[in-house]
Amino acid sequence: TREEALTIDFLLPKWQRTLDDGLPLVRFAAAD
């Protein structure tokens, strides 16, 4: 959706810089 796409667009540069630095992308999840 629009909201999801805007969030992804915002995160894409950060995600790619992290991978360029040889570090893993972190995904947060709640245990419950």
PDB file of all heavy atoms in Angstrom:
ATOM      1  N   THR A   1       0.844  -1.186   0.000  1.00  0.00           N
ATOM      2  CA  THR A   1       0.000   0.000   0.000  1.00  0.00           C
ATOM      3  C   THR A   1       0.883   1.242   0.000  1.00  0.00           C
ATOM      4  O   THR A   1       2.112   1.148   0.110  1.00  0.00           O
ATOM      5  CB  THR A   1      -0.903   0.021   1.232  1.00  0.00           C
ATOM      6  OG1 THR A   1      -0.078   0.118   2.416  1.00  0.00           O
ATOM      7  CG2 THR A   1      -1.747  -1.245   1.314  1.00  0.00           C
ATOM      8  N   ARG A   2       0.229   2.417  -0.109  1.00  0.00           N
ATOM      9  CA  ARG A   2       0.983   3.669  -0.125  1.00  0.00           C
ATOM     10  C   ARG A   2       1.830   3.816   1.136  1.00  0.00           C
ATOM     11  O   ARG A   2       3.023   4.137   1.067  1.00  0.00           O
ATOM     12  CB  ARG A   2       0.032   4.859  -0.258  1.00  0.00           C
ATOM     13  CG  ARG A   2       0.746   6.211  -0.313  1.00  0.00           C
ATOM     14  CD  ARG A   2      -0.250   7.356  -0.500  1.00  0.00           C
ATOM     15  NE  ARG A   2       0.436   8.598  -0.790  1.00  0.00           N
ATOM     16  CZ  ARG A   2       0.893   9.427   0.157  1.00  0.00           C
ATOM     17  NH1 ARG A   2       0.718   9.111   1.439  1.00  0.00           N
ATOM     18  NH2 ARG A   2       1.521  10.535  -0.179  1.00  0.00           N
ATOM     19  N   GLU A   3       1.217   3.575   2.290  1.00  0.00           N
ATOM     20  CA  GLU A   3       1.943   3.711   3.549  1.00  0.00           C
ATOM     21  C   GLU A   3       3.116   2.743   3.614  1.00  0.00           C
ATOM     22  O   GLU A   3       4.221   3.101   4.034  1.00  0.00           O
ATOM     23  CB  GLU A   3       0.997   3.480   4.724  1.00  0.00           C
ATOM     24  CG  GLU A   3       1.637   3.638   6.088  1.00  0.00           C
ATOM     25  CD  GLU A   3       0.658   3.459   7.218  1.00  0.00           C
ATOM     26  OE1 GLU A   3      -0.565   3.468   6.959  1.00  0.00           O
ATOM     27  OE2 GLU A   3       1.111   3.307   8.380  1.00  0.00           O
ATOM     28  N   GLU A   4       2.888   1.503   3.193  1.00  0.00           N
ATOM     29  CA  GLU A   4       3.968   0.513   3.213  1.00  0.00           C
ATOM     30  C   GLU A   4       5.075   0.885   2.234  1.00  0.00           C
ATOM     31  O   GLU A   4       6.267   0.766   2.557  1.00  0.00           O
ATOM     32  CB  GLU A   4       3.398  -0.856   2.865  1.00  0.00           C
ATOM     33  CG  GLU A   4       2.483  -1.429   3.936  1.00  0.00           C
ATOM     34  CD  GLU A   4       1.659  -2.614   3.465  1.00  0.00           C
ATOM     35  OE1 GLU A   4       1.506  -2.770   2.227  1.00  0.00           O
ATOM     36  OE2 GLU A   4       1.164  -3.374   4.301  1.00  0.00           O
ATOM     37  N   ALA A   5       4.702   1.351   1.037  1.00  0.00           N
ATOM     38  CA  ALA A   5       5.699   1.721   0.028  1.00  0.00           C
ATOM     39  C   ALA A   5       6.549   2.895   0.498  1.00  0.00           C
ATOM     40  O   ALA A   5       7.768   2.923   0.281  1.00  0.00           O
ATOM     41  CB  ALA A   5       5.008   2.055  -1.291  1.00  0.00           C
ATOM     42  N   LEU A   6       5.922   3.878   1.144  1.00  0.00           N
ATOM     43  CA  LEU A   6       6.677   5.029   1.643  1.00  0.00           C
ATOM     44  C   LEU A   6       7.662   4.599   2.732  1.00  0.00           C
ATOM     45  O   LEU A   6       8.791   5.110   2.798  1.00  0.00           O
ATOM     46  CB  LEU A   6       5.718   6.094   2.177  1.00  0.00           C
ATOM     47  CG  LEU A   6       4.870   6.817   1.128  1.00  0.00           C
ATOM     48  CD1 LEU A   6       3.894   7.783   1.800  1.00  0.00           C
ATOM     49  CD2 LEU A   6       5.736   7.559   0.127  1.00  0.00           C
ATOM     50  N   THR A   7       7.245   3.671   3.578  1.00  0.00           N
ATOM     51  CA  THR A   7       8.150   3.161   4.609  1.00  0.00           C
ATOM     52  C   THR A   7       9.322   2.423   3.978  1.00  0.00           C
ATOM     53  O   THR A   7      10.481   2.602   4.379  1.00  0.00           O
ATOM     54  CB  THR A   7       7.389   2.222   5.568  1.00  0.00           C
ATOM     55  OG1 THR A   7       6.330   2.941   6.194  1.00  0.00           O
ATOM     56  CG2 THR A   7       8.315   1.668   6.634  1.00  0.00           C
ATOM     57  N   ILE A   8       9.042   1.597   2.980  1.00  0.00           N
ATOM     58  CA  ILE A   8      10.109   0.866   2.298  1.00  0.00           C
ATOM     59  C   ILE A   8      11.058   1.831   1.602  1.00  0.00           C
ATOM     60  O   ILE A   8      12.290   1.676   1.682  1.00  0.00           O
ATOM     61  CB  ILE A   8       9.508  -0.133   1.291  1.00  0.00           C
ATOM     62  CG1 ILE A   8       8.716  -1.216   2.036  1.00  0.00           C
ATOM     63  CG2 ILE A   8      10.596  -0.776   0.432  1.00  0.00           C
ATOM     64  CD1 ILE A   8       7.865  -2.088   1.143  1.00  0.00           C
ATOM     65  N   ASP A   9      10.519   2.853   0.921  1.00  0.00           N
ATOM     66  CA  ASP A   9      11.366   3.847   0.251  1.00  0.00           C
ATOM     67  C   ASP A   9      12.292   4.534   1.245  1.00  0.00           C
ATOM     68  O   ASP A   9      13.458   4.828   0.947  1.00  0.00           O
ATOM     69  CB  ASP A   9      10.504   4.888  -0.457  1.00  0.00           C
ATOM     70  CG  ASP A   9       9.844   4.349  -1.709  1.00  0.00           C
ATOM     71  OD1 ASP A   9      10.218   3.248  -2.158  1.00  0.00           O
ATOM     72  OD2 ASP A   9       8.948   5.026  -2.247  1.00  0.00           O
ATOM     73  N   PHE A  10      11.776   4.823   2.438  1.00  0.00           N
ATOM     74  CA  PHE A  10      12.581   5.477   3.473  1.00  0.00           C
ATOM     75  C   PHE A  10      13.699   4.559   3.966  1.00  0.00           C
ATOM     76  O   PHE A  10      14.816   5.018   4.245  1.00  0.00           O
ATOM     77  CB  PHE A  10      11.668   5.887   4.637  1.00  0.00           C
ATOM     78  CG  PHE A  10      12.399   6.438   5.824  1.00  0.00           C
ATOM     79  CD1 PHE A  10      12.897   7.732   5.817  1.00  0.00           C
ATOM     80  CD2 PHE A  10      12.596   5.647   6.960  1.00  0.00           C
ATOM     81  CE1 PHE A  10      13.582   8.238   6.912  1.00  0.00           C
ATOM     82  CE2 PHE A  10      13.273   6.148   8.061  1.00  0.00           C
ATOM     83  CZ  PHE A  10      13.769   7.446   8.041  1.00  0.00           C
ATOM     84  N   LEU A  11      13.409   3.254   4.064  1.00  0.00           N
ATOM     85  CA  LEU A  11      14.374   2.309   4.631  1.00  0.00           C
ATOM     86  C   LEU A  11      15.394   1.791   3.623  1.00  0.00           C
ATOM     87  O   LEU A  11      16.474   1.341   4.020  1.00  0.00           O
ATOM     88  CB  LEU A  11      13.629   1.121   5.247  1.00  0.00           C
ATOM     89  CG  LEU A  11      12.792   1.427   6.497  1.00  0.00           C
ATOM     90  CD1 LEU A  11      11.949   0.210   6.867  1.00  0.00           C
ATOM     91  CD2 LEU A  11      13.689   1.822   7.662  1.00  0.00           C
ATOM     92  N   LEU A  12      15.075   1.838   2.324  1.00  0.00           N
ATOM     93  CA  LEU A  12      15.970   1.255   1.314  1.00  0.00           C
ATOM     94  C   LEU A  12      17.412   1.781   1.403  1.00  0.00           C
ATOM     95  O   LEU A  12      18.359   0.972   1.380  1.00  0.00           O
ATOM     96  CB  LEU A  12      15.403   1.501  -0.090  1.00  0.00           C
ATOM     97  CG  LEU A  12      14.324   0.532  -0.580  1.00  0.00           C
ATOM     98  CD1 LEU A  12      13.792   0.965  -1.939  1.00  0.00           C
ATOM     99  CD2 LEU A  12      14.852  -0.897  -0.644  1.00  0.00           C
ATOM    100  N   PRO A  13      17.641   3.098   1.477  1.00  0.00           N
ATOM    101  CA  PRO A  13      19.037   3.565   1.561  1.00  0.00           C
ATOM    102  C   PRO A  13      19.764   3.029   2.794  1.00  0.00           C
ATOM    103  O   PRO A  13      20.929   2.632   2.716  1.00  0.00           O
ATOM    104  CB  PRO A  13      18.892   5.087   1.603  1.00  0.00           C
ATOM    105  CG  PRO A  13      17.559   5.377   0.997  1.00  0.00           C
ATOM    106  CD  PRO A  13      16.686   4.232   1.395  1.00  0.00           C
ATOM    107  N   LYS A  14      19.082   3.028   3.936  1.00  0.00           N
ATOM    108  CA  LYS A  14      19.697   2.524   5.167  1.00  0.00           C
ATOM    109  C   LYS A  14      20.024   1.050   5.052  1.00  0.00           C
ATOM    110  O   LYS A  14      21.125   0.611   5.424  1.00  0.00           O
ATOM    111  CB  LYS A  14      18.760   2.772   6.342  1.00  0.00           C
ATOM    112  CG  LYS A  14      19.279   2.226   7.675  1.00  0.00           C
ATOM    113  CD  LYS A  14      18.278   2.449   8.782  1.00  0.00           C
ATOM    114  CE  LYS A  14      18.779   1.845  10.097  1.00  0.00           C
ATOM    115  NZ  LYS A  14      17.800   2.043  11.193  1.00  0.00           N
ATOM    116  N   TRP A  15      19.092   0.267   4.541  1.00  0.00           N
ATOM    117  CA  TRP A  15      19.332  -1.164   4.380  1.00  0.00           C
ATOM    118  C   TRP A  15      20.541  -1.419   3.485  1.00  0.00           C
ATOM    119  O   TRP A  15      21.393  -2.253   3.803  1.00  0.00           O
ATOM    120  CB  TRP A  15      18.097  -1.833   3.778  1.00  0.00           C
ATOM    121  CG  TRP A  15      16.931  -1.955   4.702  1.00  0.00           C
ATOM    122  CD1 TRP A  15      16.937  -1.769   6.050  1.00  0.00           C
ATOM    123  CD2 TRP A  15      15.593  -2.312   4.343  1.00  0.00           C
ATOM    124  NE1 TRP A  15      15.678  -1.975   6.550  1.00  0.00           N
ATOM    125  CE2 TRP A  15      14.839  -2.320   5.545  1.00  0.00           C
ATOM    126  CE3 TRP A  15      14.961  -2.621   3.153  1.00  0.00           C
ATOM    127  CZ2 TRP A  15      13.470  -2.625   5.555  1.00  0.00           C
ATOM    128  CZ3 TRP A  15      13.609  -2.932   3.164  1.00  0.00           C
ATOM    129  CH2 TRP A  15      12.870  -2.931   4.362  1.00  0.00           C
ATOM    130  N   GLN A  16      20.619  -0.697   2.390  1.00  0.00           N
ATOM    131  CA  GLN A  16      21.704  -0.945   1.432  1.00  0.00           C
ATOM    132  C   GLN A  16      23.054  -0.468   1.953  1.00  0.00           C
ATOM    133  O   GLN A  16      24.081  -1.095   1.687  1.00  0.00           O
ATOM    134  CB  GLN A  16      21.353  -0.296   0.086  1.00  0.00           C
ATOM    135  CG  GLN A  16      20.145  -0.979  -0.563  1.00  0.00           C
ATOM    136  CD  GLN A  16      19.740  -0.351  -1.882  1.00  0.00           C
ATOM    137  OE1 GLN A  16      20.062  -0.860  -2.950  1.00  0.00           O
ATOM    138  NE2 GLN A  16      19.009   0.755  -1.819  1.00  0.00           N
ATOM    139  N   ARG A  17      23.071   0.625   2.715  1.00  0.00           N
ATOM    140  CA  ARG A  17      24.331   1.059   3.336  1.00  0.00           C
ATOM    141  C   ARG A  17      24.827   0.012   4.330  1.00  0.00           C
ATOM    142  O   ARG A  17      26.031  -0.267   4.421  1.00  0.00           O
ATOM    143  CB  ARG A  17      24.139   2.404   4.039  1.00  0.00           C
ATOM    144  CG  ARG A  17      24.071   3.605   3.106  1.00  0.00           C
ATOM    145  CD  ARG A  17      24.267   4.906   3.868  1.00  0.00           C
ATOM    146  NE  ARG A  17      23.271   5.078   4.921  1.00  0.00           N
ATOM    147  CZ  ARG A  17      22.111   5.695   4.748  1.00  0.00           C
ATOM    148  NH1 ARG A  17      21.790   6.182   3.560  1.00  0.00           N
ATOM    149  NH2 ARG A  17      21.264   5.834   5.756  1.00  0.00           N
ATOM    150  N   THR A  18      23.907  -0.567   5.086  1.00  0.00           N
ATOM    151  CA  THR A  18      24.282  -1.595   6.057  1.00  0.00           C
ATOM    152  C   THR A  18      24.889  -2.804   5.355  1.00  0.00           C
ATOM    153  O   THR A  18      25.922  -3.333   5.780  1.00  0.00           O
ATOM    154  CB  THR A  18      23.048  -2.026   6.868  1.00  0.00           C
ATOM    155  OG1 THR A  18      22.520  -0.896   7.567  1.00  0.00           O
ATOM    156  CG2 THR A  18      23.411  -3.110   7.872  1.00  0.00           C
ATOM    157  N   LEU A  19      24.266  -3.245   4.269  1.00  0.00           N
ATOM    158  CA  LEU A  19      24.806  -4.381   3.517  1.00  0.00           C
ATOM    159  C   LEU A  19      26.141  -4.030   2.879  1.00  0.00           C
ATOM    160  O   LEU A  19      27.048  -4.872   2.826  1.00  0.00           O
ATOM    161  CB  LEU A  19      23.802  -4.817   2.447  1.00  0.00           C
ATOM    162  CG  LEU A  19      22.504  -5.446   2.961  1.00  0.00           C
ATOM    163  CD1 LEU A  19      21.531  -5.673   1.808  1.00  0.00           C
ATOM    164  CD2 LEU A  19      22.781  -6.751   3.694  1.00  0.00           C
ATOM    165  N   ASP A  20      26.296  -2.789   2.404  1.00  0.00           N
ATOM    166  CA  ASP A  20      27.566  -2.356   1.823  1.00  0.00           C
ATOM    167  C   ASP A  20      28.691  -2.416   2.850  1.00  0.00           C
ATOM    168  O   ASP A  20      29.860  -2.645   2.502  1.00  0.00           O
ATOM    169  CB  ASP A  20      27.450  -0.931   1.273  1.00  0.00           C
ATOM    170  CG  ASP A  20      26.615  -0.858   0.000  1.00  0.00           C
ATOM    171  OD1 ASP A  20      26.427  -1.906  -0.642  1.00  0.00           O
ATOM    172  OD2 ASP A  20      26.151   0.244  -0.343  1.00  0.00           O
ATOM    173  N   ASP A  21      28.337  -2.195   4.124  1.00  0.00           N
ATOM    174  CA  ASP A  21      29.335  -2.239   5.198  1.00  0.00           C
ATOM    175  C   ASP A  21      29.619  -3.659   5.666  1.00  0.00           C
ATOM    176  O   ASP A  21      30.405  -3.868   6.603  1.00  0.00           O
ATOM    177  CB  ASP A  21      28.861  -1.405   6.400  1.00  0.00           C
ATOM    178  CG  ASP A  21      28.843   0.088   6.108  1.00  0.00           C
ATOM    179  OD1 ASP A  21      29.555   0.512   5.178  1.00  0.00           O
ATOM    180  OD2 ASP A  21      28.122   0.834   6.812  1.00  0.00           O
ATOM    181  N   GLY A  22      28.976  -4.635   5.023  1.00  0.00           N
ATOM    182  CA  GLY A  22      29.207  -6.028   5.388  1.00  0.00           C
ATOM    183  C   GLY A  22      28.499  -6.463   6.652  1.00  0.00           C
ATOM    184  O   GLY A  22      28.868  -7.482   7.262  1.00  0.00           O
ATOM    185  N   LEU A  23      27.476  -5.711   7.073  1.00  0.00           N
ATOM    186  CA  LEU A  23      26.747  -6.025   8.293  1.00  0.00           C
ATOM    187  C   LEU A  23      25.363  -6.554   7.951  1.00  0.00           C
ATOM    188  O   LEU A  23      24.821  -6.258   6.885  1.00  0.00           O
ATOM    189  CB  LEU A  23      26.628  -4.774   9.171  1.00  0.00           C
ATOM    190  CG  LEU A  23      27.956  -4.182   9.647  1.00  0.00           C
ATOM    191  CD1 LEU A  23      27.720  -2.877  10.391  1.00  0.00           C
ATOM    192  CD2 LEU A  23      28.693  -5.184  10.529  1.00  0.00           C
ATOM    193  N   PRO A  24      24.776  -7.321   8.852  1.00  0.00           N
ATOM    194  CA  PRO A  24      23.450  -7.874   8.561  1.00  0.00           C
ATOM    195  C   PRO A  24      22.336  -6.849   8.759  1.00  0.00           C
ATOM    196  O   PRO A  24      22.462  -5.921   9.568  1.00  0.00           O
ATOM    197  CB  PRO A  24      23.317  -9.009   9.586  1.00  0.00           C
ATOM    198  CG  PRO A  24      24.154  -8.554  10.740  1.00  0.00           C
ATOM    199  CD  PRO A  24      25.309  -7.807  10.134  1.00  0.00           C
ATOM    200  N   LEU A  25      21.250  -7.029   8.026  1.00  0.00           N
ATOM    201  CA  LEU A  25      20.051  -6.235   8.258  1.00  0.00           C
ATOM    202  C   LEU A  25      19.305  -6.835   9.439  1.00  0.00           C
ATOM    203  O   LEU A  25      19.090  -8.041   9.485  1.00  0.00           O
ATOM    204  CB  LEU A  25      19.137  -6.236   7.034  1.00  0.00           C
ATOM    205  CG  LEU A  25      19.621  -5.512   5.775  1.00  0.00           C
ATOM    206  CD1 LEU A  25      18.478  -5.426   4.771  1.00  0.00           C
ATOM    207  CD2 LEU A  25      20.138  -4.131   6.097  1.00  0.00           C
ATOM    208  N   VAL A  26      18.922  -5.987  10.362  1.00  0.00           N
ATOM    209  CA  VAL A  26      18.231  -6.450  11.562  1.00  0.00           C
ATOM    210  C   VAL A  26      16.722  -6.300  11.381  1.00  0.00           C
ATOM    211  O   VAL A  26      16.234  -5.241  10.989  1.00  0.00           O
ATOM    212  CB  VAL A  26      18.695  -5.671  12.805  1.00  0.00           C
ATOM    213  CG1 VAL A  26      17.883  -6.073  14.028  1.00  0.00           C
ATOM    214  CG2 VAL A  26      20.180  -5.918  13.053  1.00  0.00           C
ATOM    215  N   ARG A  27      16.009  -7.365  11.674  1.00  0.00           N
ATOM    216  CA  ARG A  27      14.547  -7.343  11.684  1.00  0.00           C
ATOM    217  C   ARG A  27      14.075  -7.591  13.104  1.00  0.00           C
ATOM    218  O   ARG A  27      14.463  -8.565  13.741  1.00  0.00           O
ATOM    219  CB  ARG A  27      13.981  -8.438  10.776  1.00  0.00           C
ATOM    220  CG  ARG A  27      12.457  -8.519  10.779  1.00  0.00           C
ATOM    221  CD  ARG A  27      11.972  -9.644   9.885  1.00  0.00           C
ATOM    222  NE  ARG A  27      12.156 -10.954  10.485  1.00  0.00           N
ATOM    223  CZ  ARG A  27      11.231 -11.590  11.205  1.00  0.00           C
ATOM    224  NH1 ARG A  27      10.067 -11.027  11.448  1.00  0.00           N
ATOM    225  NH2 ARG A  27      11.470 -12.800  11.686  1.00  0.00           N
ATOM    226  N   PHE A  28      13.258  -6.684  13.611  1.00  0.00           N
ATOM    227  CA  PHE A  28      12.745  -6.833  14.973  1.00  0.00           C
ATOM    228  C   PHE A  28      11.391  -7.545  14.954  1.00  0.00           C
ATOM    229  O   PHE A  28      10.561  -7.310  14.080  1.00  0.00           O
ATOM    230  CB  PHE A  28      12.587  -5.464  15.639  1.00  0.00           C
ATOM    231  CG  PHE A  28      13.895  -4.769  15.905  1.00  0.00           C
ATOM    232  CD1 PHE A  28      14.324  -3.738  15.091  1.00  0.00           C
ATOM    233  CD2 PHE A  28      14.698  -5.157  16.962  1.00  0.00           C
ATOM    234  CE1 PHE A  28      15.524  -3.091  15.329  1.00  0.00           C
ATOM    235  CE2 PHE A  28      15.910  -4.530  17.200  1.00  0.00           C
ATOM    236  CZ  PHE A  28      16.323  -3.488  16.391  1.00  0.00           C
ATOM    237  N   ALA A  29      11.182  -8.398  15.938  1.00  0.00           N
ATOM    238  CA  ALA A  29       9.903  -9.086  16.097  1.00  0.00           C
ATOM    239  C   ALA A  29       9.598  -9.174  17.583  1.00  0.00           C
ATOM    240  O   ALA A  29      10.514  -9.276  18.414  1.00  0.00           O
ATOM    241  CB  ALA A  29       9.953 -10.478  15.481  1.00  0.00           C
ATOM    242  N   ALA A  30       8.326  -9.116  17.933  1.00  0.00           N
ATOM    243  CA  ALA A  30       7.906  -9.280  19.320  1.00  0.00           C
ATOM    244  C   ALA A  30       7.663 -10.750  19.612  1.00  0.00           C
ATOM    245  O   ALA A  30       7.089 -11.467  18.790  1.00  0.00           O
ATOM    246  CB  ALA A  30       6.639  -8.470  19.588  1.00  0.00           C
ATOM    247  N   ALA A  31       8.107 -11.206  20.779  1.00  0.00           N
ATOM    248  CA  ALA A  31       7.946 -12.614  21.124  1.00  0.00           C
ATOM    249  C   ALA A  31       6.485 -12.997  21.268  1.00  0.00           C
ATOM    250  O   ALA A  31       6.101 -14.132  20.989  1.00  0.00           O
ATOM    251  CB  ALA A  31       8.696 -12.931  22.420  1.00  0.00           C
ATOM    252  N   ASP A  32       5.665 -12.042  21.686  1.00  0.00           N
ATOM    253  CA  ASP A  32       4.247 -12.325  21.871  1.00  0.00           C
ATOM    254  C   ASP A  32       3.478 -11.020  21.721  1.00  0.00           C
ATOM    255  O   ASP A  32       4.055  -9.931  21.752  1.00  0.00           O
ATOM    256  CB  ASP A  32       3.985 -12.931  23.253  1.00  0.00           C
ATOM    257  CG  ASP A  32       2.724 -13.780  23.292  1.00  0.00           C
ATOM    258  OD1 ASP A  32       1.943 -13.712  22.321  1.00  0.00           O
ATOM    259  OD2 ASP A  32       2.524 -14.506  24.275  1.00  0.00           O
TER     260      ASP A  32
END
